[in-house]
Protein backbone atom coordinates (compact mmCIF):
# COMPACT_ATOMS: atom_id res chain seq x y z
CA MET A 1 -26.68 30.23 3.76
CA LYS A 2 -23.47 31.35 2.92
CA SER A 3 -21.89 31.62 6.35
CA VAL A 4 -23.39 27.82 6.73
CA TRP A 5 -21.34 26.85 3.41
CA ALA A 6 -18.28 28.68 4.56
CA ARG A 7 -18.18 26.87 7.98
CA THR A 8 -18.34 23.60 6.10
CA ILE A 9 -15.25 24.17 3.73
CA CYS A 10 -13.48 25.89 6.23
CA ARG A 11 -14.15 22.65 8.64
CA LEU A 12 -13.62 20.27 5.84
CA LEU A 13 -10.05 22.01 5.13
CA VAL A 14 -9.08 22.50 8.63
CA VAL A 15 -9.50 18.38 8.99
CA LEU A 16 -7.35 17.71 5.69
CA MET A 17 -4.88 20.61 6.72
CA ILE A 18 -4.56 18.26 9.92
CA TRP A 19 -5.05 15.14 7.89
CA THR A 20 -1.90 15.78 5.75
CA PRO A 21 1.29 14.44 7.13
CA TYR A 22 3.77 16.97 6.64
CA GLN A 23 7.67 15.60 6.31
CA ALA A 24 10.81 17.12 5.82
CA ALA A 25 12.53 16.13 2.65
CA GLN A 26 15.83 15.49 2.20
CA ALA A 27 18.15 14.93 -0.83
CA GLY A 28 21.31 13.29 -1.38
CA MET A 29 23.40 11.50 -3.85
CA ILE A 30 23.00 7.36 -3.78
CA GLY A 31 24.69 5.11 -6.10
CA SER A 32 23.05 2.74 -8.52
CA ASP A 33 23.34 -0.42 -5.99
CA GLN A 34 21.84 1.06 -3.09
CA ALA A 35 18.87 2.00 -5.17
CA ALA A 36 18.36 -1.69 -7.05
CA THR A 37 19.30 -2.80 -3.03
CA ALA A 38 15.94 -1.13 -1.92
CA SER A 39 13.61 -2.24 -4.67
CA SER A 40 14.85 -5.53 -4.65
CA GLN A 41 14.26 -5.89 -1.10
CA ALA A 42 10.59 -4.00 -1.50
CA ASP A 43 9.84 -6.39 -4.01
CA ARG A 44 11.22 -9.09 -2.23
CA ASN A 45 8.68 -8.02 1.02
CA THR A 46 6.26 -7.61 -1.59
CA VAL A 47 5.90 -11.35 -2.71
CA LEU A 48 6.85 -12.45 1.09
CA SER A 49 3.82 -10.85 2.30
CA PHE A 50 1.80 -12.20 -0.15
CA VAL A 51 2.52 -15.80 0.67
CA SER A 52 2.07 -15.07 4.24
CA ARG A 53 -1.32 -14.27 3.49
CA GLY A 54 -3.77 -16.51 4.88
CA ASP A 55 -5.38 -17.92 1.64
CA VAL A 56 -2.70 -18.45 0.16
CA ALA A 57 -0.82 -20.18 2.68
CA GLY A 58 -4.14 -22.39 2.59
CA GLN A 59 -4.06 -22.71 -1.54
CA LEU A 60 -0.04 -24.04 -0.91
CA GLN A 61 -1.18 -26.39 1.41
CA SER A 62 -4.07 -27.85 -0.56
CA LEU A 63 -0.77 -28.19 -3.25
CA GLY A 64 1.50 -29.60 -0.72
CA LEU A 65 3.97 -27.05 0.07
CA ASP A 66 4.31 -25.16 3.21
CA ALA A 67 4.51 -21.77 3.78
CA ALA A 68 8.01 -21.96 5.43
CA THR A 69 9.14 -23.99 2.45
CA ALA A 70 7.53 -21.25 -0.37
CA LYS A 71 9.61 -18.62 2.19
CA ASP A 72 12.62 -20.73 1.38
CA ARG A 73 11.99 -20.53 -2.34
CA VAL A 74 11.55 -16.91 -2.36
CA ALA A 75 14.70 -15.84 -0.71
CA ALA A 76 16.28 -18.64 -3.16
CA MET A 77 14.82 -16.51 -5.91
CA THR A 78 16.88 -13.50 -8.03
CA ASP A 79 16.25 -10.20 -7.93
CA SER A 80 14.74 -10.10 -11.60
CA GLU A 81 12.14 -13.26 -10.36
CA VAL A 82 11.28 -11.54 -7.64
CA ALA A 83 10.99 -8.10 -9.66
CA TYR A 84 8.49 -10.07 -12.06
CA LEU A 85 6.39 -12.02 -9.68
CA ALA A 86 6.19 -8.51 -7.55
CA GLY A 87 4.68 -6.80 -10.63
CA ARG A 88 2.10 -9.77 -11.12
CA ILE A 89 1.29 -9.42 -7.44
CA GLU A 90 0.99 -5.63 -7.91
CA SER A 91 -1.21 -5.83 -11.12
CA LEU A 92 -3.85 -8.68 -9.47
CA PRO A 93 -7.24 -6.55 -9.15
CA ALA A 94 -7.80 -7.69 -5.83
CA GLY A 95 -3.84 -7.26 -4.89
CA ALA A 96 -3.82 -3.48 -5.32
CA ASP A 97 -3.92 -0.50 -3.33
CA THR A 98 -7.18 0.69 -2.07
CA ALA A 99 -5.39 3.39 -0.15
CA GLY A 100 -7.33 5.87 -2.86
CA VAL A 101 -10.74 4.42 -2.43
CA ILE A 102 -10.48 4.49 1.05
CA LEU A 103 -9.37 8.28 1.18
CA LEU A 104 -12.61 8.80 -0.99
CA ILE A 105 -14.67 7.04 1.67
CA LEU A 106 -13.42 9.15 3.97
CA ILE A 107 -13.94 12.51 2.72
CA ILE A 108 -17.64 11.28 1.41
CA ALA A 109 -18.28 10.28 4.97
CA ALA A 110 -17.31 13.51 6.58
CA ILE A 111 -19.01 15.78 3.94
CA TRP A 112 -21.81 13.63 4.72
CA TRP A 113 -21.62 14.20 8.52
CA VAL A 114 -21.00 18.20 8.16
CA TRP A 115 -24.06 18.30 5.70
CA LYS A 116 -26.71 16.45 7.98
CA ARG A 117 -25.42 18.46 11.40
């Protein structure tokens, strides 16, 4: 029985080690303008991807605003407006990041598969 558990845990650890992404870290000094530009561009991409979603585009269409006009308006927004809107989008429950939940489901499925085998 002990060897079955040991093999199961070893297999799980091997799978997790293979699955873990290995990245080389690189450190360097950047200016505040570069950091602000990167974060503002990420926020702008967040808002643009939200506007591009099918359900949001349909809702905008029902309100009389096509998706191209909405994208143009997002492009005309200031960085502070985009940051505020991106923060609101990220705080929505339906728009939150689900990577942690998917990871948990995959780990549970792997454990169940090894257990039933």
